[in-house]
Protein backbone atom coordinates (compact mmCIF):
# COMPACT_ATOMS: atom_id res chain seq x y z
CA UNK A 1 83.53 199.50 237.55
CA UNK A 2 84.67 198.92 241.11
CA UNK A 3 81.62 196.79 241.87
CA UNK A 4 82.20 194.66 238.78
CA UNK A 5 85.82 194.06 239.78
CA UNK A 6 84.77 192.98 243.28
CA UNK A 7 82.26 190.50 241.88
CA UNK A 8 85.00 188.88 239.83
CA UNK A 9 87.15 188.36 242.91
CA UNK A 10 84.78 185.90 244.59
CA UNK A 11 82.78 182.86 243.55
CA UNK A 12 79.87 181.00 245.08
CA UNK A 13 80.57 177.58 246.60
CA UNK A 14 78.38 174.96 248.22
CA UNK A 15 78.60 171.69 250.13
CA UNK A 16 75.89 169.17 250.95
CA UNK A 17 75.44 166.31 253.37
CA UNK A 18 72.72 163.71 253.96
CA UNK A 19 72.48 162.07 257.39
CA UNK A 20 69.88 159.59 258.57
CA UNK A 21 69.00 158.50 262.09
CA UNK A 22 66.33 158.48 264.77
CA UNK A 23 67.96 161.11 266.99
CA UNK A 24 66.76 164.71 267.08
CA UNK A 25 70.45 165.64 266.66
CA UNK A 26 70.58 164.15 263.15
CA UNK A 27 70.29 167.56 261.50
CA UNK A 28 73.22 168.93 263.51
CA UNK A 29 75.54 166.31 262.00
CA UNK A 30 74.35 167.05 258.47
CA UNK A 31 74.94 170.76 258.99
CA UNK A 32 78.32 170.21 260.63
CA UNK A 33 79.64 168.07 257.79
CA UNK A 34 78.66 170.57 255.09
CA UNK A 35 79.67 173.62 257.16
CA UNK A 36 83.11 172.21 257.96
CA UNK A 37 83.76 171.48 254.28
CA UNK A 38 83.15 175.12 253.32
CA UNK A 39 85.12 176.47 256.28
CA UNK A 40 88.09 174.34 255.23
CA UNK A 41 87.91 175.86 251.75
CA UNK A 42 87.99 179.36 253.22
CA UNK A 43 84.40 180.24 252.39
CA UNK A 44 82.61 183.08 254.21
CA UNK A 45 79.05 184.44 254.49
CA UNK A 46 77.70 180.94 255.06
CA UNK A 47 74.01 180.17 254.64
CA UNK A 48 72.09 176.92 254.92
CA UNK A 49 69.00 175.24 253.54
CA UNK A 50 67.70 172.00 255.01
CA UNK A 51 65.27 169.30 253.95
CA UNK A 52 63.89 166.86 256.51
CA UNK A 53 62.32 163.64 255.29
CA UNK A 54 60.29 161.52 257.70
CA UNK A 55 58.87 158.05 256.94
CA UNK A 56 55.20 158.28 256.06
CA UNK A 57 54.42 155.31 258.28
CA UNK A 58 55.35 157.16 261.48
CA UNK A 59 52.24 158.15 263.33
CA UNK A 60 53.92 160.82 265.47
CA UNK A 61 56.57 163.04 263.91
CA UNK A 62 59.73 164.47 265.42
CA UNK A 63 59.97 167.16 262.78
CA UNK A 64 59.65 170.01 265.32
CA UNK A 65 62.42 168.57 267.52
CA UNK A 66 64.78 168.06 264.59
CA UNK A 67 64.09 171.56 263.26
CA UNK A 68 64.60 173.09 266.70
CA UNK A 69 68.07 171.56 266.93
CA UNK A 70 68.94 172.74 263.43
CA UNK A 71 67.92 176.29 264.32
CA UNK A 72 69.94 176.10 267.54
CA UNK A 73 73.22 175.04 265.90
CA UNK A 74 72.81 177.62 263.14
CA UNK A 75 72.54 180.35 265.77
CA UNK A 76 75.55 179.00 267.64
CA UNK A 77 77.73 178.78 264.52
CA UNK A 78 76.60 182.05 262.95
CA UNK A 79 75.05 180.40 259.90
CA UNK A 80 72.02 182.07 258.33
CA UNK A 81 69.27 179.48 257.99
CA UNK A 82 67.40 180.33 254.81
CA UNK A 83 64.78 177.59 254.86
CA UNK A 84 63.75 174.30 256.41
CA UNK A 85 61.53 172.11 254.23
CA UNK A 86 59.72 169.21 255.87
CA UNK A 87 58.23 166.18 254.18
CA UNK A 88 56.61 162.90 255.05
CA UNK A 89 57.40 160.28 252.44
CA UNK A 90 57.34 156.51 251.92
CA UNK A 91 60.73 156.83 250.20
CA UNK A 92 62.70 156.62 253.49
CA UNK A 93 62.66 154.07 256.29
CA UNK A 94 64.03 156.45 258.94
CA UNK A 95 64.38 160.24 259.25
CA UNK A 96 66.83 161.77 256.79
CA UNK A 97 68.22 165.30 256.87
CA UNK A 98 69.78 166.84 253.76
CA UNK A 99 71.70 170.05 254.46
CA UNK A 100 73.20 172.35 251.85
CA UNK A 101 75.51 175.16 252.93
CA UNK A 102 76.53 177.93 250.56
CA UNK A 103 79.07 180.73 250.78
CA UNK A 104 81.60 182.73 248.81
CA UNK A 105 85.35 182.48 248.51
CA UNK A 106 88.13 184.29 246.72
CA UNK A 107 88.72 183.29 243.12
CA UNK A 108 92.44 183.79 243.74
CA UNK A 109 92.56 180.80 246.11
CA UNK A 110 95.40 178.51 245.04
CA UNK A 111 94.66 174.89 244.06
CA UNK A 112 96.01 172.13 246.27
CA UNK A 113 99.75 171.66 245.70
CA UNK A 114 101.17 168.24 246.52
CA UNK A 115 104.62 168.88 245.06
CA UNK A 116 107.80 169.64 246.98
CA UNK A 117 109.03 167.90 250.15
CA UNK A 118 107.14 164.88 251.47
CA UNK A 119 104.16 166.19 253.39
CA UNK A 120 103.48 165.13 256.95
CA UNK A 121 99.94 164.08 257.88
CA UNK A 122 98.40 165.69 260.96
CA UNK A 123 95.21 164.41 262.56
CA UNK A 124 93.26 167.27 264.12
CA UNK A 125 90.62 165.81 266.39
CA UNK A 126 89.71 162.23 267.29
CA UNK A 127 89.10 159.22 265.07
CA UNK A 128 85.55 157.89 265.27
CA UNK A 129 84.30 160.59 267.64
CA UNK A 130 81.19 161.71 265.75
CA UNK A 131 80.23 158.12 265.07
CA UNK A 132 80.53 157.31 268.76
CA UNK A 133 78.29 160.29 269.60
CA UNK A 134 75.68 159.15 267.12
CA UNK A 135 75.73 155.61 268.51
CA UNK A 136 75.24 157.04 272.00
CA UNK A 137 72.18 158.96 270.76
CA UNK A 138 70.70 156.08 268.76
CA UNK A 139 71.25 153.51 271.54
CA UNK A 140 70.77 155.77 274.54
CA UNK A 141 68.65 153.33 276.55
CA UNK A 142 71.03 150.43 276.00
CA UNK A 143 74.11 152.41 276.98
CA UNK A 144 72.43 153.69 280.15
CA UNK A 145 72.14 150.07 281.23
CA UNK A 146 75.74 149.29 280.31
CA UNK A 147 77.70 152.37 281.45
CA UNK A 148 77.79 154.64 284.50
CA UNK A 149 76.19 158.12 284.34
CA UNK A 150 79.62 159.77 284.67
CA UNK A 151 80.82 157.94 281.55
CA UNK A 152 77.76 159.04 279.57
CA UNK A 153 78.32 162.65 280.69
CA UNK A 154 81.84 162.45 279.26
CA UNK A 155 80.33 161.41 275.94
CA UNK A 156 77.81 164.27 276.08
CA UNK A 157 80.64 166.76 276.66
CA UNK A 158 82.19 165.81 273.30
CA UNK A 159 79.25 166.93 271.18
CA UNK A 160 80.68 170.40 270.48
CA UNK A 161 83.64 168.84 268.68
CA UNK A 162 81.69 168.17 265.47
CA UNK A 163 82.05 171.82 264.42
CA UNK A 164 85.74 172.48 263.76
CA UNK A 165 85.92 176.17 262.90
CA UNK A 166 88.65 176.92 265.45
CA UNK A 167 90.98 174.17 264.21
CA UNK A 168 90.40 175.20 260.60
CA UNK A 169 91.13 178.86 261.30
CA UNK A 170 94.36 178.01 263.13
CA UNK A 171 95.47 175.75 260.30
CA UNK A 172 94.72 178.34 257.62
CA UNK A 173 96.55 181.02 259.59
CA UNK A 174 99.52 178.62 259.68
CA UNK A 175 99.47 178.43 255.89
CA UNK A 176 97.76 175.03 255.64
CA UNK A 177 95.49 174.71 252.62
CA UNK A 178 95.07 170.95 252.30
CA UNK A 179 92.51 169.74 254.86
CA UNK A 180 90.21 166.76 254.44
CA UNK A 181 87.34 165.98 256.81
CA UNK A 182 86.98 162.41 258.14
CA UNK A 183 83.47 161.34 257.24
CA UNK A 184 81.93 158.18 255.74
CA UNK A 185 84.13 155.14 256.36
CA UNK A 186 86.22 156.76 259.09
CA UNK A 187 89.91 157.57 259.16
CA UNK A 188 90.91 154.52 257.11
CA UNK A 189 88.67 155.71 254.27
CA UNK A 190 89.90 159.31 254.64
CA UNK A 191 93.53 158.18 254.39
CA UNK A 192 92.76 156.07 251.33
CA UNK A 193 91.04 158.98 249.56
CA UNK A 194 93.89 161.34 250.51
CA UNK A 195 96.46 158.98 248.98
CA UNK A 196 94.37 158.71 245.83
CA UNK A 197 93.99 162.48 245.61
CA UNK A 198 97.71 163.14 246.07
CA UNK A 199 98.80 160.27 243.80
CA UNK A 200 101.25 159.09 246.47
CA UNK A 201 101.70 156.37 249.04
CA UNK A 202 101.76 156.95 252.77
CA UNK A 203 103.39 155.66 255.92
CA UNK A 204 101.10 155.77 258.98
CA UNK A 205 101.84 155.03 262.64
CA UNK A 206 98.59 153.60 263.96
CA UNK A 207 99.61 154.25 267.56
CA UNK A 208 99.64 157.98 266.82
CA UNK A 209 95.97 158.01 265.73
CA UNK A 210 94.03 159.57 268.60
CA UNK A 211 90.93 157.67 269.75
CA UNK A 212 89.03 158.60 272.89
CA UNK A 213 88.52 155.91 275.51
CA UNK A 214 84.76 156.49 275.30
CA UNK A 215 84.88 155.63 271.59
CA UNK A 216 86.88 152.48 272.24
CA UNK A 217 84.46 151.25 274.91
CA UNK A 218 81.31 152.02 272.91
CA UNK A 219 82.80 150.30 269.86
CA UNK A 220 83.82 147.27 271.90
CA UNK A 221 80.28 147.04 273.25
CA UNK A 222 78.93 146.72 269.69
CA UNK A 223 81.98 145.01 268.14
CA UNK A 224 82.73 147.90 265.82
CA UNK A 225 86.01 149.17 264.37
CA UNK A 226 86.57 152.79 265.50
CA UNK A 227 88.92 153.39 262.56
CA UNK A 228 86.02 152.77 260.16
CA UNK A 229 83.63 155.06 262.02
CA UNK A 230 82.64 158.50 260.76
CA UNK A 231 84.27 161.44 262.51
CA UNK A 232 82.64 164.66 261.33
CA UNK A 233 84.67 167.59 262.65
CA UNK A 234 88.02 165.77 262.64
CA UNK A 235 90.46 166.52 259.84
CA UNK A 236 93.53 165.20 258.10
CA UNK A 237 95.87 168.10 257.32
CA UNK A 238 99.02 168.09 255.17
CA UNK A 239 101.96 170.19 256.34
CA UNK A 240 105.67 170.57 255.53
CA UNK A 241 106.27 170.67 259.29
CA UNK A 242 103.54 168.61 260.89
CA UNK A 243 105.06 168.89 264.35
CA UNK A 244 104.81 172.67 264.31
CA UNK A 245 101.18 172.57 263.16
CA UNK A 246 100.22 169.94 265.76
CA UNK A 247 101.89 171.95 268.51
CA UNK A 248 100.00 175.10 267.51
CA UNK A 249 96.70 173.22 267.51
CA UNK A 250 97.40 171.65 270.91
CA UNK A 251 98.42 175.04 272.30
CA UNK A 252 94.90 176.20 271.43
CA UNK A 253 93.21 173.28 273.13
CA UNK A 254 92.72 171.06 270.05
CA UNK A 255 93.79 167.43 270.02
CA UNK A 256 96.39 166.99 267.28
CA UNK A 257 99.20 164.62 266.33
CA UNK A 258 101.47 163.81 263.41
CA UNK A 259 100.32 160.34 262.37
CA UNK A 260 102.50 159.78 259.30
CA UNK A 261 103.68 161.17 256.00
CA UNK A 262 103.18 160.90 252.26
CA UNK A 263 105.72 158.76 250.39
CA UNK A 264 107.04 158.65 246.86
CA UNK A 265 105.57 155.24 246.03
CA UNK A 266 102.07 153.81 245.91
CA UNK A 267 102.25 151.74 249.10
CA UNK A 268 99.76 152.69 251.80
CA UNK A 269 101.50 151.29 254.85
CA UNK A 270 100.18 151.25 258.42
CA UNK A 271 102.55 150.38 261.28
CA UNK A 272 101.39 149.13 264.65
CA UNK A 273 104.56 148.38 266.59
CA UNK A 274 106.28 145.56 264.71
CA UNK A 275 103.12 144.71 262.81
CA UNK A 276 102.78 146.07 259.27
CA UNK A 277 99.62 146.09 257.17
CA UNK A 278 98.45 147.81 254.03
CA UNK A 279 95.47 150.10 253.82
CA UNK A 280 92.52 148.45 252.09
CA UNK A 281 89.91 150.08 249.93
CA UNK A 282 87.28 151.92 252.01
CA UNK A 283 84.74 149.69 253.74
CA UNK A 284 81.18 150.72 254.65
CA UNK A 285 80.95 152.91 257.71
CA UNK A 286 80.55 150.92 260.91
CA UNK A 287 77.67 153.20 261.94
CA UNK A 288 75.52 151.45 259.33
CA UNK A 289 75.50 148.35 261.53
CA UNK A 290 73.83 150.39 264.25
CA UNK A 291 71.39 152.29 262.05
CA UNK A 292 70.35 149.08 260.32
CA UNK A 293 69.14 147.66 263.64
CA UNK A 294 67.77 150.79 265.29
CA UNK A 295 64.13 150.55 266.21
CA UNK A 296 61.89 153.50 265.58
CA UNK A 297 61.29 155.79 268.54
CA UNK A 298 58.08 157.23 267.12
């Protein structure tokens, strides 16, 4: 009877992500996106299964390198890797990694509650960071010609930020239950989806959105908008007291800032000094412009 009761207290959950690219790190981003989603939901006992698809036309495969990186990040994050399936197929034009993470969570977990006082919006992490890292990996040779080695080392040092377990744990311990990862389409898309989910408007101070200088310079080099660039590992969090949450995150070494609040109307307003604009529907991720012109390294 006790065992039956325990089974009823938890339920299985899963999250999946598909990431394409020429870099051997592609699988790490797919895993990070799915892993972060489950962590944010409070799931435990995480396991992963991965499928790697490689274009059939490639004469020399990077499957071993991609798999090696996947195994490495699973060890580092404490995720049990159940299986890695590898395929060559004419169905893809560049390597694609599909990662599915599974876990369990308490059935008693409360659904998201958007009622009560206007929630403040906290950005934990950096806008466009993961996208910048992926550009640096896909266009490594070009950036080595454009930027100094010290600058590229600063980019390399950011790679650990795509797994956000520490920030998620701090937020959950602070009572935060509404956390949304910034993925496809960047922070502008994430804000749009958050407003749609909550059924509210929002008032955002664009100057409060944290963007690393490395991201700005890489985006300027390719004429990309960093606010429409994927940022796996960065989160939007809703809090009654955003300042308190941001301070706790910063105290633990995590970049965080209150960037705005939800409002009682449907207007999605972004302020930049005296300039006011309204948030548009999500646009395609800026990373697509890079991936669409990346030459095969095989």
